[in-house]
PDB file of N, CA and C in Angstrom:
ATOM      1  N   GLU A   1       0.833  -1.185   0.000  1.00  0.00           N
ATOM      2  CA  GLU A   1       0.000   0.000   0.000  1.00  0.00           C
ATOM      3  C   GLU A   1       0.877   1.248   0.000  1.00  0.00           C
ATOM      4  N   THR A   2       0.426   2.230  -0.701  1.00  0.00           N
ATOM      5  CA  THR A   2       1.135   3.510  -0.723  1.00  0.00           C
ATOM      6  C   THR A   2       0.116   4.636  -0.768  1.00  0.00           C
ATOM      7  N   ASN A   3       0.582   5.823  -0.569  1.00  0.00           N
ATOM      8  CA  ASN A   3      -0.297   6.980  -0.694  1.00  0.00           C
ATOM      9  C   ASN A   3       0.425   8.064  -1.486  1.00  0.00           C
ATOM     10  N   TYR A   4      -0.249   9.143  -1.746  1.00  0.00           N
ATOM     11  CA  TYR A   4       0.333  10.168  -2.612  1.00  0.00           C
ATOM     12  C   TYR A   4       1.620  10.766  -2.040  1.00  0.00           C
ATOM     13  N   LEU A   5       1.776  10.756  -0.717  1.00  0.00           N
ATOM     14  CA  LEU A   5       2.995  11.311  -0.127  1.00  0.00           C
ATOM     15  C   LEU A   5       4.234  10.491  -0.460  1.00  0.00           C
ATOM     16  N   ALA A   6       4.037   9.236  -0.809  1.00  0.00           N
ATOM     17  CA  ALA A   6       5.171   8.352  -1.077  1.00  0.00           C
ATOM     18  C   ALA A   6       5.460   8.200  -2.571  1.00  0.00           C
ATOM     19  N   THR A   7       4.769   8.956  -3.416  1.00  0.00           N
ATOM     20  CA  THR A   7       4.976   8.790  -4.853  1.00  0.00           C
ATOM     21  C   THR A   7       6.136   9.639  -5.365  1.00  0.00           C
ATOM     22  N   ASP A   8       6.696   9.237  -6.482  1.00  0.00           N
ATOM     23  CA  ASP A   8       7.766  10.008  -7.119  1.00  0.00           C
ATOM     24  C   ASP A   8       7.261  11.390  -7.543  1.00  0.00           C
ATOM     25  N   HIS A   9       6.022  11.436  -7.998  1.00  0.00           N
ATOM     26  CA  HIS A   9       5.433  12.710  -8.431  1.00  0.00           C
ATOM     27  C   HIS A   9       5.444  13.719  -7.279  1.00  0.00           C
ATOM     28  N   THR A  10       5.020  13.311  -6.105  1.00  0.00           N
ATOM     29  CA  THR A  10       5.024  14.208  -4.950  1.00  0.00           C
ATOM     30  C   THR A  10       6.447  14.646  -4.627  1.00  0.00           C
ATOM     31  N   LEU A  11       7.373  13.741  -4.660  1.00  0.00           N
ATOM     32  CA  LEU A  11       8.769  14.068  -4.384  1.00  0.00           C
ATOM     33  C   LEU A  11       9.301  15.117  -5.355  1.00  0.00           C
ATOM     34  N   ARG A  12       8.979  14.955  -6.648  1.00  0.00           N
ATOM     35  CA  ARG A  12       9.468  15.899  -7.664  1.00  0.00           C
ATOM     36  C   ARG A  12       8.870  17.295  -7.497  1.00  0.00           C
ATOM     37  N   HIS A  13       7.628  17.379  -7.059  1.00  0.00           N
ATOM     38  CA  HIS A  13       6.915  18.661  -7.044  1.00  0.00           C
ATOM     39  C   HIS A  13       6.744  19.284  -5.663  1.00  0.00           C
ATOM     40  N   PHE A  14       7.135  18.603  -4.626  1.00  0.00           N
ATOM     41  CA  PHE A  14       6.853  19.044  -3.267  1.00  0.00           C
ATOM     42  C   PHE A  14       7.322  20.468  -2.978  1.00  0.00           C
ATOM     43  N   ARG A  15       8.581  20.757  -3.201  1.00  0.00           N
ATOM     44  CA  ARG A  15       9.113  22.076  -2.854  1.00  0.00           C
ATOM     45  C   ARG A  15       8.553  23.198  -3.716  1.00  0.00           C
ATOM     46  N   SER A  16       8.283  22.946  -4.958  1.00  0.00           N
ATOM     47  CA  SER A  16       7.791  24.017  -5.828  1.00  0.00           C
ATOM     48  C   SER A  16       6.304  24.287  -5.626  1.00  0.00           C
ATOM     49  N   GLU A  17       5.592  23.391  -4.977  1.00  0.00           N
ATOM     50  CA  GLU A  17       4.152  23.568  -4.818  1.00  0.00           C
ATOM     51  C   GLU A  17       3.727  23.995  -3.416  1.00  0.00           C
ATOM     52  N   LEU A  18       4.663  24.164  -2.518  1.00  0.00           N
ATOM     53  CA  LEU A  18       4.308  24.645  -1.187  1.00  0.00           C
ATOM     54  C   LEU A  18       3.888  26.103  -1.269  1.00  0.00           C
ATOM     55  N   TRP A  19       2.825  26.436  -0.578  1.00  0.00           N
ATOM     56  CA  TRP A  19       2.386  27.826  -0.553  1.00  0.00           C
ATOM     57  C   TRP A  19       2.833  28.446   0.745  1.00  0.00           C
ATOM     58  N   LEU A  20       3.679  29.436   0.628  1.00  0.00           N
ATOM     59  CA  LEU A  20       4.120  30.181   1.794  1.00  0.00           C
ATOM     60  C   LEU A  20       3.608  31.608   1.626  1.00  0.00           C
ATOM     61  N   PRO A  21       2.716  32.035   2.494  1.00  0.00           N
ATOM     62  CA  PRO A  21       2.126  33.362   2.325  1.00  0.00           C
ATOM     63  C   PRO A  21       3.175  34.461   2.406  1.00  0.00           C
ATOM     64  N   GLU A  22       3.030  35.423   1.542  1.00  0.00           N
ATOM     65  CA  GLU A  22       3.998  36.513   1.482  1.00  0.00           C
ATOM     66  C   GLU A  22       3.796  37.502   2.633  1.00  0.00           C
ATOM     67  N   LEU A  23       2.559  37.696   3.050  1.00  0.00           N
ATOM     68  CA  LEU A  23       2.280  38.705   4.060  1.00  0.00           C
ATOM     69  C   LEU A  23       1.963  38.115   5.436  1.00  0.00           C
ATOM     70  N   LEU A  24       1.202  37.060   5.467  1.00  0.00           N
ATOM     71  CA  LEU A  24       0.756  36.491   6.737  1.00  0.00           C
ATOM     72  C   LEU A  24       1.819  35.605   7.354  1.00  0.00           C
ATOM     73  N   GLU A  25       1.680  35.394   8.645  1.00  0.00           N
ATOM     74  CA  GLU A  25       2.584  34.492   9.351  1.00  0.00           C
ATOM     75  C   GLU A  25       1.825  33.218   9.692  1.00  0.00           C
ATOM     76  N   ARG A  26       2.449  32.096   9.482  1.00  0.00           N
ATOM     77  CA  ARG A  26       1.798  30.811   9.732  1.00  0.00           C
ATOM     78  C   ARG A  26       2.048  30.297  11.149  1.00  0.00           C
ATOM     79  N   THR A  27       2.623  31.118  11.987  1.00  0.00           N
ATOM     80  CA  THR A  27       2.962  30.685  13.341  1.00  0.00           C
ATOM     81  C   THR A  27       1.799  30.827  14.307  1.00  0.00           C
ATOM     82  N   GLY A  28       0.723  31.433  13.873  1.00  0.00           N
ATOM     83  CA  GLY A  28      -0.402  31.669  14.764  1.00  0.00           C
ATOM     84  C   GLY A  28      -0.271  33.016  15.434  1.00  0.00           C
ATOM     85  N   TRP A  29      -1.319  33.416  16.103  1.00  0.00           N
ATOM     86  CA  TRP A  29      -1.338  34.730  16.736  1.00  0.00           C
ATOM     87  C   TRP A  29      -0.530  34.695  18.012  1.00  0.00           C
ATOM     88  N   SER A  30       0.381  35.630  18.141  1.00  0.00           N
ATOM     89  CA  SER A  30       1.211  35.673  19.347  1.00  0.00           C
ATOM     90  C   SER A  30       1.301  37.092  19.896  1.00  0.00           C
ATOM     91  N   GLY A  31       0.250  37.848  19.699  1.00  0.00           N
ATOM     92  CA  GLY A  31       0.205  39.187  20.266  1.00  0.00           C
ATOM     93  C   GLY A  31       0.223  40.272  19.215  1.00  0.00           C
ATOM     94  N   MET A  32       0.134  41.485  19.696  1.00  0.00           N
ATOM     95  CA  MET A  32       0.062  42.640  18.806  1.00  0.00           C
ATOM     96  C   MET A  32       1.321  42.830  17.970  1.00  0.00           C
ATOM     97  N   GLU A  33       2.454  42.371  18.458  1.00  0.00           N
ATOM     98  CA  GLU A  33       3.684  42.523  17.679  1.00  0.00           C
ATOM     99  C   GLU A  33       3.567  41.803  16.341  1.00  0.00           C
ATOM    100  N   THR A  34       2.949  40.623  16.376  1.00  0.00           N
ATOM    101  CA  THR A  34       2.742  39.865  15.142  1.00  0.00           C
ATOM    102  C   THR A  34       1.835  40.639  14.192  1.00  0.00           C
ATOM    103  N   GLU A  35       0.745  41.178  14.722  1.00  0.00           N
ATOM    104  CA  GLU A  35      -0.197  41.938  13.900  1.00  0.00           C
ATOM    105  C   GLU A  35       0.479  43.159  13.282  1.00  0.00           C
ATOM    106  N   GLU A  36       1.260  43.847  14.072  1.00  0.00           N
ATOM    107  CA  GLU A  36       1.947  45.041  13.572  1.00  0.00           C
ATOM    108  C   GLU A  36       2.961  44.690  12.492  1.00  0.00           C
ATOM    109  N   ARG A  37       3.648  43.570  12.648  1.00  0.00           N
ATOM    110  CA  ARG A  37       4.617  43.120  11.637  1.00  0.00           C
ATOM    111  C   ARG A  37       3.895  42.816  10.325  1.00  0.00           C
ATOM    112  N   VAL A  38       2.774  42.130  10.420  1.00  0.00           N
ATOM    113  CA  VAL A  38       1.989  41.794   9.226  1.00  0.00           C
ATOM    114  C   VAL A  38       1.480  43.073   8.564  1.00  0.00           C
ATOM    115  N   LEU A  39       0.982  43.999   9.345  1.00  0.00           N
ATOM    116  CA  LEU A  39       0.488  45.259   8.780  1.00  0.00           C
ATOM    117  C   LEU A  39       1.609  46.059   8.119  1.00  0.00           C
ATOM    118  N   ARG A  40       2.791  46.076   8.707  1.00  0.00           N
ATOM    119  CA  ARG A  40       3.932  46.772   8.083  1.00  0.00           C
ATOM    120  C   ARG A  40       4.301  46.132   6.747  1.00  0.00           C
ATOM    121  N   ARG A  41       4.302  44.790   6.722  1.00  0.00           N
ATOM    122  CA  ARG A  41       4.613  44.095   5.461  1.00  0.00           C
ATOM    123  C   ARG A  41       3.562  44.406   4.402  1.00  0.00           C
ATOM    124  N   ALA A  42       2.297  44.407   4.804  1.00  0.00           N
ATOM    125  CA  ALA A  42       1.219  44.700   3.857  1.00  0.00           C
ATOM    126  C   ALA A  42       1.341  46.128   3.336  1.00  0.00           C
ATOM    127  N   GLN A  43       1.629  47.083   4.220  1.00  0.00           N
ATOM    128  CA  GLN A  43       1.770  48.472   3.791  1.00  0.00           C
ATOM    129  C   GLN A  43       2.955  48.641   2.849  1.00  0.00           C
ATOM    130  N   LYS A  44       4.058  47.945   3.127  1.00  0.00           N
ATOM    131  CA  LYS A  44       5.217  48.012   2.245  1.00  0.00           C
ATOM    132  C   LYS A  44       4.873  47.459   0.863  1.00  0.00           C
ATOM    133  N   LYS A  45       4.113  46.368   0.817  1.00  0.00           N
ATOM    134  CA  LYS A  45       3.707  45.773  -0.459  1.00  0.00           C
ATOM    135  C   LYS A  45       2.836  46.759  -1.241  1.00  0.00           C
ATOM    136  N   VAL A  46       1.886  47.400  -0.563  1.00  0.00           N
ATOM    137  CA  VAL A  46       1.031  48.396  -1.217  1.00  0.00           C
ATOM    138  C   VAL A  46       1.882  49.538  -1.758  1.00  0.00           C
ATOM    139  N   ASP A  47       2.785  50.043  -0.934  1.00  0.00           N
ATOM    140  CA  ASP A  47       3.655  51.147  -1.366  1.00  0.00           C
ATOM    141  C   ASP A  47       4.500  50.750  -2.575  1.00  0.00           C
ATOM    142  N   ASP A  48       5.052  49.536  -2.553  1.00  0.00           N
ATOM    143  CA  ASP A  48       5.863  49.058  -3.675  1.00  0.00           C
ATOM    144  C   ASP A  48       5.030  48.948  -4.944  1.00  0.00           C
ATOM    145  N   LEU A  49       3.838  48.390  -4.827  1.00  0.00           N
ATOM    146  CA  LEU A  49       2.969  48.245  -5.998  1.00  0.00           C
ATOM    147  C   LEU A  49       2.571  49.608  -6.565  1.00  0.00           C
ATOM    148  N   LEU A  50       2.222  50.538  -5.692  1.00  0.00           N
ATOM    149  CA  LEU A  50       1.835  51.867  -6.165  1.00  0.00           C
ATOM    150  C   LEU A  50       3.002  52.609  -6.807  1.00  0.00           C
ATOM    151  N   SER A  51       4.188  52.432  -6.265  1.00  0.00           N
ATOM    152  CA  SER A  51       5.339  53.159  -6.805  1.00  0.00           C
ATOM    153  C   SER A  51       5.782  52.625  -8.168  1.00  0.00           C
ATOM    154  N   THR A  52       5.480  51.386  -8.468  1.00  0.00           N
ATOM    155  CA  THR A  52       5.903  50.804  -9.748  1.00  0.00           C
ATOM    156  C   THR A  52       4.781  50.755 -10.781  1.00  0.00           C
ATOM    157  N   TYR A  53       3.571  51.193 -10.406  1.00  0.00           N
ATOM    158  CA  TYR A  53       2.442  51.135 -11.336  1.00  0.00           C
ATOM    159  C   TYR A  53       2.643  52.105 -12.491  1.00  0.00           C
ATOM    160  N   ARG A  54       2.381  51.620 -13.667  1.00  0.00           N
ATOM    161  CA  ARG A  54       2.397  52.456 -14.862  1.00  0.00           C
ATOM    162  C   ARG A  54       1.068  52.257 -15.570  1.00  0.00           C
ATOM    163  N   LYS A  55       0.371  53.355 -15.799  1.00  0.00           N
ATOM    164  CA  LYS A  55      -0.926  53.284 -16.457  1.00  0.00           C
ATOM    165  C   LYS A  55      -0.736  52.737 -17.873  1.00  0.00           C
ATOM    166  N   PRO A  56      -1.496  51.690 -18.223  1.00  0.00           N
ATOM    167  CA  PRO A  56      -1.340  51.127 -19.568  1.00  0.00           C
ATOM    168  C   PRO A  56      -1.866  52.099 -20.625  1.00  0.00           C
ATOM    169  N   GLU A  57      -1.220  52.062 -21.764  1.00  0.00           N
ATOM    170  CA  GLU A  57      -1.669  52.908 -22.870  1.00  0.00           C
ATOM    171  C   GLU A  57      -2.718  52.137 -23.671  1.00  0.00           C
ATOM    172  N   VAL A  58      -3.941  52.645 -23.639  1.00  0.00           N
ATOM    173  CA  VAL A  58      -5.051  52.007 -24.329  1.00  0.00           C
ATOM    174  C   VAL A  58      -5.792  53.095 -25.096  1.00  0.00           C
ATOM    175  N   SER A  59      -6.204  52.769 -26.304  1.00  0.00           N
ATOM    176  CA  SER A  59      -6.907  53.768 -27.108  1.00  0.00           C
ATOM    177  C   SER A  59      -8.264  54.088 -26.484  1.00  0.00           C
ATOM    178  N   GLU A  60      -8.687  55.319 -26.641  1.00  0.00           N
ATOM    179  CA  GLU A  60      -9.969  55.769 -26.088  1.00  0.00           C
ATOM    180  C   GLU A  60     -11.127  54.977 -26.694  1.00  0.00           C
ATOM    181  N   ASP A  61     -11.023  54.617 -27.978  1.00  0.00           N
ATOM    182  CA  ASP A  61     -12.062  53.838 -28.642  1.00  0.00           C
ATOM    183  C   ASP A  61     -12.241  52.473 -27.969  1.00  0.00           C
ATOM    184  N   LEU A  62     -11.124  51.829 -27.647  1.00  0.00           N
ATOM    185  CA  LEU A  62     -11.187  50.543 -26.961  1.00  0.00           C
ATOM    186  C   LEU A  62     -11.797  50.695 -25.578  1.00  0.00           C
ATOM    187  N   LEU A  63     -11.438  51.755 -24.867  1.00  0.00           N
ATOM    188  CA  LEU A  63     -12.008  51.996 -23.539  1.00  0.00           C
ATOM    189  C   LEU A  63     -13.521  52.170 -23.600  1.00  0.00           C
ATOM    190  N   VAL A  64     -14.007  52.866 -24.603  1.00  0.00           N
ATOM    191  CA  VAL A  64     -15.449  53.063 -24.761  1.00  0.00           C
ATOM    192  C   VAL A  64     -16.132  51.710 -24.961  1.00  0.00           C
ATOM    193  N   LYS A  65     -15.549  50.859 -25.791  1.00  0.00           N
ATOM    194  CA  LYS A  65     -16.127  49.530 -26.043  1.00  0.00           C
ATOM    195  C   LYS A  65     -16.098  48.670 -24.774  1.00  0.00           C
ATOM    196  N   LEU A  66     -14.994  48.713 -24.057  1.00  0.00           N
ATOM    197  CA  LEU A  66     -14.884  47.928 -22.822  1.00  0.00           C
ATOM    198  C   LEU A  66     -15.874  48.403 -21.771  1.00  0.00           C
ATOM    199  N   ARG A  67     -16.039  49.710 -21.654  1.00  0.00           N
ATOM    200  CA  ARG A  67     -17.009  50.247 -20.686  1.00  0.00           C
ATOM    201  C   ARG A  67     -18.434  49.826 -21.042  1.00  0.00           C
ATOM    202  N   ALA A  68     -18.731  49.734 -22.323  1.00  0.00           N
ATOM    203  CA  ALA A  68     -20.063  49.282 -22.754  1.00  0.00           C
ATOM    204  C   ALA A  68     -20.291  47.828 -22.343  1.00  0.00           C
ATOM    205  N   VAL A  69     -19.280  46.996 -22.473  1.00  0.00           N
ATOM    206  CA  VAL A  69     -19.387  45.593 -22.053  1.00  0.00           C
ATOM    207  C   VAL A  69     -19.611  45.509 -20.548  1.00  0.00           C
ATOM    208  N   VAL A  70     -18.855  46.284 -19.806  1.00  0.00           N
ATOM    209  CA  VAL A  70     -18.991  46.278 -18.338  1.00  0.00           C
ATOM    210  C   VAL A  70     -20.383  46.751 -17.937  1.00  0.00           C
ATOM    211  N   GLU A  71     -20.867  47.795 -18.557  1.00  0.00           N
ATOM    212  CA  GLU A  71     -22.195  48.323 -18.223  1.00  0.00           C
ATOM    213  C   GLU A  71     -23.293  47.313 -18.553  1.00  0.00           C
ATOM    214  N   LYS A  72     -23.162  46.629 -19.668  1.00  0.00           N
ATOM    215  CA  LYS A  72     -24.150  45.602 -20.039  1.00  0.00           C
ATOM    216  C   LYS A  72     -24.127  44.465 -19.017  1.00  0.00           C
ATOM    217  N   ALA A  73     -22.942  44.039 -18.628  1.00  0.00           N
ATOM    218  CA  ALA A  73     -22.826  42.977 -17.633  1.00  0.00           C
ATOM    219  C   ALA A  73     -23.392  43.435 -16.297  1.00  0.00           C
ATOM    220  N   ARG A  74     -23.105  44.657 -15.923  1.00  0.00           N
ATOM    221  CA  ARG A  74     -23.613  45.195 -14.655  1.00  0.00           C
ATOM    222  C   ARG A  74     -25.146  45.168 -14.638  1.00  0.00           C
ATOM    223  N   LYS A  75     -25.749  45.560 -15.737  1.00  0.00           N
ATOM    224  CA  LYS A  75     -27.223  45.559 -15.808  1.00  0.00           C
ATOM    225  C   LYS A  75     -27.769  44.135 -15.754  1.00  0.00           C
ATOM    226  N   ASN A  76     -27.147  43.233 -16.507  1.00  0.00           N
ATOM    227  CA  ASN A  76     -27.644  41.857 -16.564  1.00  0.00           C
ATOM    228  C   ASN A  76     -27.380  41.074 -15.286  1.00  0.00           C
ATOM    229  N   LEU A  77     -26.228  41.272 -14.697  1.00  0.00           N
ATOM    230  CA  LEU A  77     -25.844  40.486 -13.528  1.00  0.00           C
ATOM    231  C   LEU A  77     -26.329  41.089 -12.215  1.00  0.00           C
ATOM    232  N   ALA A  78     -26.563  42.372 -12.204  1.00  0.00           N
ATOM    233  CA  ALA A  78     -26.968  43.036 -10.966  1.00  0.00           C
ATOM    234  C   ALA A  78     -28.485  43.151 -10.855  1.00  0.00           C
ATOM    235  N   GLY A  79     -29.194  42.425 -11.672  1.00  0.00           N
ATOM    236  CA  GLY A  79     -30.646  42.438 -11.575  1.00  0.00           C
ATOM    237  C   GLY A  79     -31.307  43.571 -12.327  1.00  0.00           C
ATOM    238  N   GLY A  80     -30.601  44.158 -13.246  1.00  0.00           N
ATOM    239  CA  GLY A  80     -31.176  45.259 -14.021  1.00  0.00           C
ATOM    240  C   GLY A  80     -32.305  44.815 -14.921  1.00  0.00           C
ATOM    241  N   ASN A  81     -32.379  43.517 -15.231  1.00  0.00           N
ATOM    242  CA  ASN A  81     -33.425  42.991 -16.109  1.00  0.00           C
ATOM    243  C   ASN A  81     -34.464  42.187 -15.359  1.00  0.00           C
ATOM    244  N   ARG A  82     -34.699  42.512 -14.113  1.00  0.00           N
ATOM    245  CA  ARG A  82     -35.711  41.786 -13.334  1.00  0.00           C
ATOM    246  C   ARG A  82     -37.092  42.041 -13.874  1.00  0.00           C
ATOM    247  N   ARG A  83     -37.901  41.031 -13.748  1.00  0.00           N
ATOM    248  CA  ARG A  83     -39.280  41.165 -14.222  1.00  0.00           C
ATOM    249  C   ARG A  83     -40.219  41.113 -13.075  1.00  0.00           C
TER     250      ARG A  83
END
């Protein structure tokens, strides 16, 4: 008898498939210091993302078409066509 933990496939993929959260700590709650550390990491990530953001160049015609699709979906999905 064997299980998935003992297969060659698991051995080959184990390290690359582990999920380690970038912001949260997996050690459990151990007081406000932990919360503050997590909040500092989250704020740093937000700051980094905002500082590197570059607005994509998209033609105004394409934006008009995309907004029309979004508006149609909003009406259909948000109950705009209720009877």
